[in-house]
Amino acid sequence: MVENSFMAKKQNILILAGSGTGKTYAAEHYKNLADIDTIDYMFKYNKKRYGELSSEELKNLVNGWIANPDEYPKGSVKKKGFTGAVNLYFGIKKAMKENIALIPLIPETFKGLPSAFKKARIILVFPEKEIFDEYAERFRARGNDENFIKVREKDHHAVWELLETEHGIETIILKKGEYLTDALTAIDFELVKYAEI
């Protein structure tokens, strides 16, 4: 068995990676990457759908987010600077005990998670500003519809607005044709492939 230097050092690493960068592929190939899909923890509602929520759900709504009742029925809270579903906060915390936590980089996670995990090494992985068209084609190739692509394009520009401010977080920008695994194999911690175990 290959020694996992990450686990040996008990490091806390949280990677926020943009949509279409290959999070699922990376997690399927590396044992010590825990792919956390925020949709498993919470739902996001826009104003047009507020009418579908019960009064109890509306009370638990924080900044447009509400905890997935199947995962955490008590709703959303503010925890150490992270406003959102408390179950996502604890899901990330649990994953980081034994693995490198990997979650989507969207405006909501960008704004909330760095302040919630100040002791963690946080790495942002995101495509260059000018290459969204390449990612739109990636989305189409995996079967996403045009509405999904429009939302991701809006998120792409919103994240870039945040990236261009002074945030002081370790950031890796993917060039055309690059994926998350290209970035991860170039930085200084060990990834353990499933085949090596």
C-alpha atoms as a PDB file:
ATOM      1  CA  MET A   1       0.000   0.000   0.000  1.00  0.00           C
ATOM      2  CA  VAL A   2       1.359   3.450  -0.945  1.00  0.00           C
ATOM      3  CA  GLU A   3       1.705   5.748   2.057  1.00  0.00           C
ATOM      4  CA  ASN A   4      -0.667   8.672   1.844  1.00  0.00           C
ATOM      5  CA  SER A   5       1.373  11.689   2.928  1.00  0.00           C
ATOM      6  CA  PHE A   6      -1.799  13.768   3.219  1.00  0.00           C
ATOM      7  CA  MET A   7      -3.323  11.442   5.797  1.00  0.00           C
ATOM      8  CA  ALA A   8      -0.009  11.066   7.623  1.00  0.00           C
ATOM      9  CA  LYS A   9       0.334  14.825   8.067  1.00  0.00           C
ATOM     10  CA  LYS A  10      -3.349  15.304   8.996  1.00  0.00           C
ATOM     11  CA  GLN A  11      -3.603  18.269   6.653  1.00  0.00           C
ATOM     12  CA  ASN A  12      -6.919  19.969   6.007  1.00  0.00           C
ATOM     13  CA  ILE A  13      -7.326  20.601   2.287  1.00  0.00           C
ATOM     14  CA  LEU A  14     -10.434  21.966   0.593  1.00  0.00           C
ATOM     15  CA  ILE A  15     -10.473  22.329  -3.180  1.00  0.00           C
ATOM     16  CA  LEU A  16     -13.159  24.431  -4.846  1.00  0.00           C
ATOM     17  CA  ALA A  17     -13.217  23.590  -8.554  1.00  0.00           C
ATOM     18  CA  GLY A  18     -15.332  25.068 -11.330  1.00  0.00           C
ATOM     19  CA  SER A  19     -18.045  23.134 -13.154  1.00  0.00           C
ATOM     20  CA  GLY A  20     -16.757  21.092 -16.069  1.00  0.00           C
ATOM     21  CA  THR A  21     -13.199  20.904 -14.745  1.00  0.00           C
ATOM     22  CA  GLY A  22     -13.433  17.151 -14.088  1.00  0.00           C
ATOM     23  CA  LYS A  23     -14.271  16.819 -10.379  1.00  0.00           C
ATOM     24  CA  THR A  24     -16.157  13.538 -10.804  1.00  0.00           C
ATOM     25  CA  TYR A  25     -13.410  12.024 -12.969  1.00  0.00           C
ATOM     26  CA  ALA A  26     -10.739  13.035 -10.433  1.00  0.00           C
ATOM     27  CA  ALA A  27     -12.668  11.585  -7.475  1.00  0.00           C
ATOM     28  CA  GLU A  28     -13.239   8.326  -9.367  1.00  0.00           C
ATOM     29  CA  HIS A  29      -9.496   7.924  -9.982  1.00  0.00           C
ATOM     30  CA  TYR A  30      -7.969   9.132  -6.705  1.00  0.00           C
ATOM     31  CA  LYS A  31      -8.705   7.441  -3.408  1.00  0.00           C
ATOM     32  CA  ASN A  32      -8.077  10.464  -1.198  1.00  0.00           C
ATOM     33  CA  LEU A  33     -10.373  12.897  -3.033  1.00  0.00           C
ATOM     34  CA  ALA A  34     -13.879  13.188  -1.584  1.00  0.00           C
ATOM     35  CA  ASP A  35     -16.255  14.678  -4.181  1.00  0.00           C
ATOM     36  CA  ILE A  36     -18.952  16.569  -2.295  1.00  0.00           C
ATOM     37  CA  ASP A  37     -21.879  17.552  -4.489  1.00  0.00           C
ATOM     38  CA  THR A  38     -23.701  20.450  -2.851  1.00  0.00           C
ATOM     39  CA  ILE A  39     -27.012  19.326  -4.389  1.00  0.00           C
ATOM     40  CA  ASP A  40     -26.862  16.288  -2.082  1.00  0.00           C
ATOM     41  CA  TYR A  41     -26.926  18.628   0.900  1.00  0.00           C
ATOM     42  CA  MET A  42     -29.130  21.522  -0.091  1.00  0.00           C
ATOM     43  CA  PHE A  43     -31.600  22.890  -2.573  1.00  0.00           C
ATOM     44  CA  LYS A  44     -31.443  26.367  -4.064  1.00  0.00           C
ATOM     45  CA  TYR A  45     -34.683  28.183  -4.767  1.00  0.00           C
ATOM     46  CA  ASN A  46     -35.195  31.323  -6.814  1.00  0.00           C
ATOM     47  CA  LYS A  47     -37.994  33.800  -6.176  1.00  0.00           C
ATOM     48  CA  LYS A  48     -40.313  32.179  -8.713  1.00  0.00           C
ATOM     49  CA  ARG A  49     -40.331  28.995  -6.623  1.00  0.00           C
ATOM     50  CA  TYR A  50     -40.760  30.499  -3.161  1.00  0.00           C
ATOM     51  CA  GLY A  51     -44.487  29.830  -3.425  1.00  0.00           C
ATOM     52  CA  GLU A  52     -43.765  26.103  -3.437  1.00  0.00           C
ATOM     53  CA  LEU A  53     -42.132  26.230   0.009  1.00  0.00           C
ATOM     54  CA  SER A  54     -43.987  25.586   3.248  1.00  0.00           C
ATOM     55  CA  SER A  55     -43.970  28.290   5.933  1.00  0.00           C
ATOM     56  CA  GLU A  56     -41.538  26.145   7.960  1.00  0.00           C
ATOM     57  CA  GLU A  57     -39.144  25.903   4.993  1.00  0.00           C
ATOM     58  CA  LEU A  58     -39.363  29.645   4.404  1.00  0.00           C
ATOM     59  CA  LYS A  59     -38.324  30.258   8.018  1.00  0.00           C
ATOM     60  CA  ASN A  60     -35.183  28.209   7.398  1.00  0.00           C
ATOM     61  CA  LEU A  61     -34.297  29.993   4.164  1.00  0.00           C
ATOM     62  CA  VAL A  62     -30.974  31.859   4.379  1.00  0.00           C
ATOM     63  CA  ASN A  63     -29.662  33.812   1.374  1.00  0.00           C
ATOM     64  CA  GLY A  64     -31.762  31.681  -0.981  1.00  0.00           C
ATOM     65  CA  TRP A  65     -30.470  28.360   0.396  1.00  0.00           C
ATOM     66  CA  ILE A  66     -32.350  25.784   2.414  1.00  0.00           C
ATOM     67  CA  ALA A  67     -30.966  22.535   3.767  1.00  0.00           C
ATOM     68  CA  ASN A  68     -32.114  19.378   2.038  1.00  0.00           C
ATOM     69  CA  PRO A  69     -34.734  18.047   4.486  1.00  0.00           C
ATOM     70  CA  ASP A  70     -33.736  14.455   3.703  1.00  0.00           C
ATOM     71  CA  GLU A  71     -30.205  15.211   4.897  1.00  0.00           C
ATOM     72  CA  TYR A  72     -30.667  17.803   7.634  1.00  0.00           C
ATOM     73  CA  PRO A  73     -34.251  18.653   8.599  1.00  0.00           C
ATOM     74  CA  LYS A  74     -33.382  21.551  10.934  1.00  0.00           C
ATOM     75  CA  GLY A  75     -32.595  23.922   8.085  1.00  0.00           C
ATOM     76  CA  SER A  76     -29.905  26.461   7.408  1.00  0.00           C
ATOM     77  CA  VAL A  77     -27.711  28.272   9.902  1.00  0.00           C
ATOM     78  CA  LYS A  78     -24.789  30.658  10.055  1.00  0.00           C
ATOM     79  CA  LYS A  79     -21.758  28.727  11.284  1.00  0.00           C
ATOM     80  CA  LYS A  80     -18.339  30.332  11.701  1.00  0.00           C
ATOM     81  CA  GLY A  81     -18.940  32.756   8.861  1.00  0.00           C
ATOM     82  CA  PHE A  82     -20.558  30.199   6.544  1.00  0.00           C
ATOM     83  CA  THR A  83     -24.154  31.064   5.796  1.00  0.00           C
ATOM     84  CA  GLY A  84     -25.900  28.052   4.341  1.00  0.00           C
ATOM     85  CA  ALA A  85     -26.902  24.514   5.146  1.00  0.00           C
ATOM     86  CA  VAL A  86     -25.198  23.371   8.318  1.00  0.00           C
ATOM     87  CA  ASN A  87     -25.092  19.822   6.991  1.00  0.00           C
ATOM     88  CA  LEU A  88     -22.839  20.947   4.117  1.00  0.00           C
ATOM     89  CA  TYR A  89     -20.476  22.579   6.609  1.00  0.00           C
ATOM     90  CA  PHE A  90     -20.227  19.393   8.647  1.00  0.00           C
ATOM     91  CA  GLY A  91     -20.079  17.217   5.511  1.00  0.00           C
ATOM     92  CA  ILE A  92     -16.972  19.104   4.377  1.00  0.00           C
ATOM     93  CA  LYS A  93     -15.463  19.021   7.858  1.00  0.00           C
ATOM     94  CA  LYS A  94     -15.958  15.245   8.073  1.00  0.00           C
ATOM     95  CA  ALA A  95     -14.498  14.659   4.601  1.00  0.00           C
ATOM     96  CA  MET A  96     -11.374  16.668   5.421  1.00  0.00           C
ATOM     97  CA  LYS A  97     -10.536  14.408   8.365  1.00  0.00           C
ATOM     98  CA  GLU A  98      -9.419  11.622   6.040  1.00  0.00           C
ATOM     99  CA  ASN A  99      -9.485  13.033   2.524  1.00  0.00           C
ATOM    100  CA  ILE A 100      -9.058  16.110   0.394  1.00  0.00           C
ATOM    101  CA  ALA A 101     -12.533  17.634   0.139  1.00  0.00           C
ATOM    102  CA  LEU A 102     -13.576  18.630  -3.376  1.00  0.00           C
ATOM    103  CA  ILE A 103     -16.622  20.825  -3.981  1.00  0.00           C
ATOM    104  CA  PRO A 104     -18.009  22.984  -6.814  1.00  0.00           C
ATOM    105  CA  LEU A 105     -16.659  26.532  -7.090  1.00  0.00           C
ATOM    106  CA  ILE A 106     -19.716  28.740  -7.511  1.00  0.00           C
ATOM    107  CA  PRO A 107     -20.281  32.276  -6.154  1.00  0.00           C
ATOM    108  CA  GLU A 108     -22.073  30.989  -3.044  1.00  0.00           C
ATOM    109  CA  THR A 109     -19.265  28.617  -2.000  1.00  0.00           C
ATOM    110  CA  PHE A 110     -16.553  31.137  -2.917  1.00  0.00           C
ATOM    111  CA  LYS A 111     -18.058  33.766  -0.611  1.00  0.00           C
ATOM    112  CA  GLY A 112     -18.810  31.535   2.359  1.00  0.00           C
ATOM    113  CA  LEU A 113     -16.381  28.665   2.700  1.00  0.00           C
ATOM    114  CA  PRO A 114     -12.967  30.369   3.068  1.00  0.00           C
ATOM    115  CA  SER A 115     -14.141  32.193   6.197  1.00  0.00           C
ATOM    116  CA  ALA A 116     -15.670  28.999   7.602  1.00  0.00           C
ATOM    117  CA  PHE A 117     -12.507  26.933   7.168  1.00  0.00           C
ATOM    118  CA  LYS A 118      -9.724  29.341   8.089  1.00  0.00           C
ATOM    119  CA  LYS A 119      -7.385  26.562   9.253  1.00  0.00           C
ATOM    120  CA  ALA A 120      -7.725  24.614   6.009  1.00  0.00           C
ATOM    121  CA  ARG A 121      -5.550  24.926   2.942  1.00  0.00           C
ATOM    122  CA  ILE A 122      -8.064  26.172   0.380  1.00  0.00           C
ATOM    123  CA  ILE A 123      -7.292  25.919  -3.327  1.00  0.00           C
ATOM    124  CA  LEU A 124      -9.463  27.432  -6.054  1.00  0.00           C
ATOM    125  CA  VAL A 125      -9.296  25.755  -9.478  1.00  0.00           C
ATOM    126  CA  PHE A 126     -11.050  27.620 -12.265  1.00  0.00           C
ATOM    127  CA  PRO A 127     -10.797  28.043 -16.058  1.00  0.00           C
ATOM    128  CA  GLU A 128      -9.387  31.124 -17.747  1.00  0.00           C
ATOM    129  CA  LYS A 129     -11.859  33.945 -18.155  1.00  0.00           C
ATOM    130  CA  GLU A 130     -11.948  33.800 -21.966  1.00  0.00           C
ATOM    131  CA  ILE A 131     -12.537  30.049 -22.489  1.00  0.00           C
ATOM    132  CA  PHE A 132     -16.112  29.529 -21.287  1.00  0.00           C
ATOM    133  CA  ASP A 133     -17.082  28.353 -24.803  1.00  0.00           C
ATOM    134  CA  GLU A 134     -14.897  25.278 -24.283  1.00  0.00           C
ATOM    135  CA  TYR A 135     -16.760  24.518 -21.064  1.00  0.00           C
ATOM    136  CA  ALA A 136     -20.132  25.021 -22.739  1.00  0.00           C
ATOM    137  CA  GLU A 137     -19.107  22.283 -25.189  1.00  0.00           C
ATOM    138  CA  ARG A 138     -18.041  20.047 -22.309  1.00  0.00           C
ATOM    139  CA  PHE A 139     -21.471  20.533 -20.729  1.00  0.00           C
ATOM    140  CA  ARG A 140     -23.256  19.704 -23.993  1.00  0.00           C
ATOM    141  CA  ALA A 141     -21.096  16.611 -24.463  1.00  0.00           C
ATOM    142  CA  ARG A 142     -22.181  15.272 -21.072  1.00  0.00           C
ATOM    143  CA  GLY A 143     -25.863  15.966 -21.790  1.00  0.00           C
ATOM    144  CA  ASN A 144     -26.537  19.250 -19.971  1.00  0.00           C
ATOM    145  CA  ASP A 145     -29.244  21.461 -21.478  1.00  0.00           C
ATOM    146  CA  GLU A 146     -28.937  25.108 -22.547  1.00  0.00           C
ATOM    147  CA  ASN A 147     -30.566  26.396 -19.344  1.00  0.00           C
ATOM    148  CA  PHE A 148     -27.859  24.665 -17.313  1.00  0.00           C
ATOM    149  CA  ILE A 149     -25.204  26.222 -19.550  1.00  0.00           C
ATOM    150  CA  LYS A 150     -26.690  29.719 -19.101  1.00  0.00           C
ATOM    151  CA  VAL A 151     -26.558  29.345 -15.312  1.00  0.00           C
ATOM    152  CA  ARG A 152     -22.955  28.105 -15.475  1.00  0.00           C
ATOM    153  CA  GLU A 153     -22.000  31.025 -17.742  1.00  0.00           C
ATOM    154  CA  LYS A 154     -23.494  33.476 -15.260  1.00  0.00           C
ATOM    155  CA  ASP A 155     -21.590  31.727 -12.445  1.00  0.00           C
ATOM    156  CA  HIS A 156     -18.383  31.808 -14.528  1.00  0.00           C
ATOM    157  CA  HIS A 157     -18.520  35.590 -14.855  1.00  0.00           C
ATOM    158  CA  ALA A 158     -19.567  36.063 -11.212  1.00  0.00           C
ATOM    159  CA  VAL A 159     -16.668  33.937  -9.947  1.00  0.00           C
ATOM    160  CA  TRP A 160     -14.235  35.872 -12.153  1.00  0.00           C
ATOM    161  CA  GLU A 161     -15.471  39.124 -10.633  1.00  0.00           C
ATOM    162  CA  LEU A 162     -14.643  37.649  -7.226  1.00  0.00           C
ATOM    163  CA  LEU A 163     -11.284  36.273  -8.407  1.00  0.00           C
ATOM    164  CA  GLU A 164     -10.261  39.713  -9.614  1.00  0.00           C
ATOM    165  CA  THR A 165     -10.715  41.188  -6.142  1.00  0.00           C
ATOM    166  CA  GLU A 166      -8.097  40.767  -3.435  1.00  0.00           C
ATOM    167  CA  HIS A 167      -8.968  37.454  -1.793  1.00  0.00           C
ATOM    168  CA  GLY A 168      -5.563  35.992  -0.862  1.00  0.00           C
ATOM    169  CA  ILE A 169      -6.566  32.385  -1.590  1.00  0.00           C
ATOM    170  CA  GLU A 170      -4.336  29.932  -3.456  1.00  0.00           C
ATOM    171  CA  THR A 171      -5.658  29.824  -7.034  1.00  0.00           C
ATOM    172  CA  ILE A 172      -4.883  27.664 -10.058  1.00  0.00           C
ATOM    173  CA  ILE A 173      -6.200  28.871 -13.424  1.00  0.00           C
ATOM    174  CA  LEU A 174      -6.798  26.166 -16.025  1.00  0.00           C
ATOM    175  CA  LYS A 175      -5.772  26.919 -19.588  1.00  0.00           C
ATOM    176  CA  LYS A 176      -7.520  25.643 -22.693  1.00  0.00           C
ATOM    177  CA  GLY A 177      -7.692  21.846 -22.746  1.00  0.00           C
ATOM    178  CA  GLU A 178      -6.668  21.432 -19.108  1.00  0.00           C
ATOM    179  CA  TYR A 179      -8.587  19.598 -16.397  1.00  0.00           C
ATOM    180  CA  LEU A 180      -8.565  19.422 -12.615  1.00  0.00           C
ATOM    181  CA  THR A 181      -6.222  16.402 -12.631  1.00  0.00           C
ATOM    182  CA  ASP A 182      -3.646  18.461 -14.567  1.00  0.00           C
ATOM    183  CA  ALA A 183      -3.688  21.016 -11.752  1.00  0.00           C
ATOM    184  CA  LEU A 184      -3.686  18.528  -8.888  1.00  0.00           C
ATOM    185  CA  THR A 185      -0.730  16.506 -10.123  1.00  0.00           C
ATOM    186  CA  ALA A 186       1.307  19.726 -10.332  1.00  0.00           C
ATOM    187  CA  ILE A 187       0.964  20.774  -6.684  1.00  0.00           C
ATOM    188  CA  ASP A 188       2.662  19.580  -3.536  1.00  0.00           C
ATOM    189  CA  PHE A 189       0.542  16.860  -2.021  1.00  0.00           C
ATOM    190  CA  GLU A 190       0.193  13.214  -2.861  1.00  0.00           C
ATOM    191  CA  LEU A 191      -2.814  11.847  -4.677  1.00  0.00           C
ATOM    192  CA  VAL A 192      -3.396   8.123  -4.249  1.00  0.00           C
ATOM    193  CA  LYS A 193      -4.779   6.318  -7.293  1.00  0.00           C
ATOM    194  CA  TYR A 194      -7.234   3.498  -6.689  1.00  0.00           C
ATOM    195  CA  ALA A 195      -4.984   1.139  -8.662  1.00  0.00           C
ATOM    196  CA  GLU A 196      -2.167   1.730  -6.168  1.00  0.00           C
ATOM    197  CA  ILE A 197      -4.128   0.473  -3.156  1.00  0.00           C
END
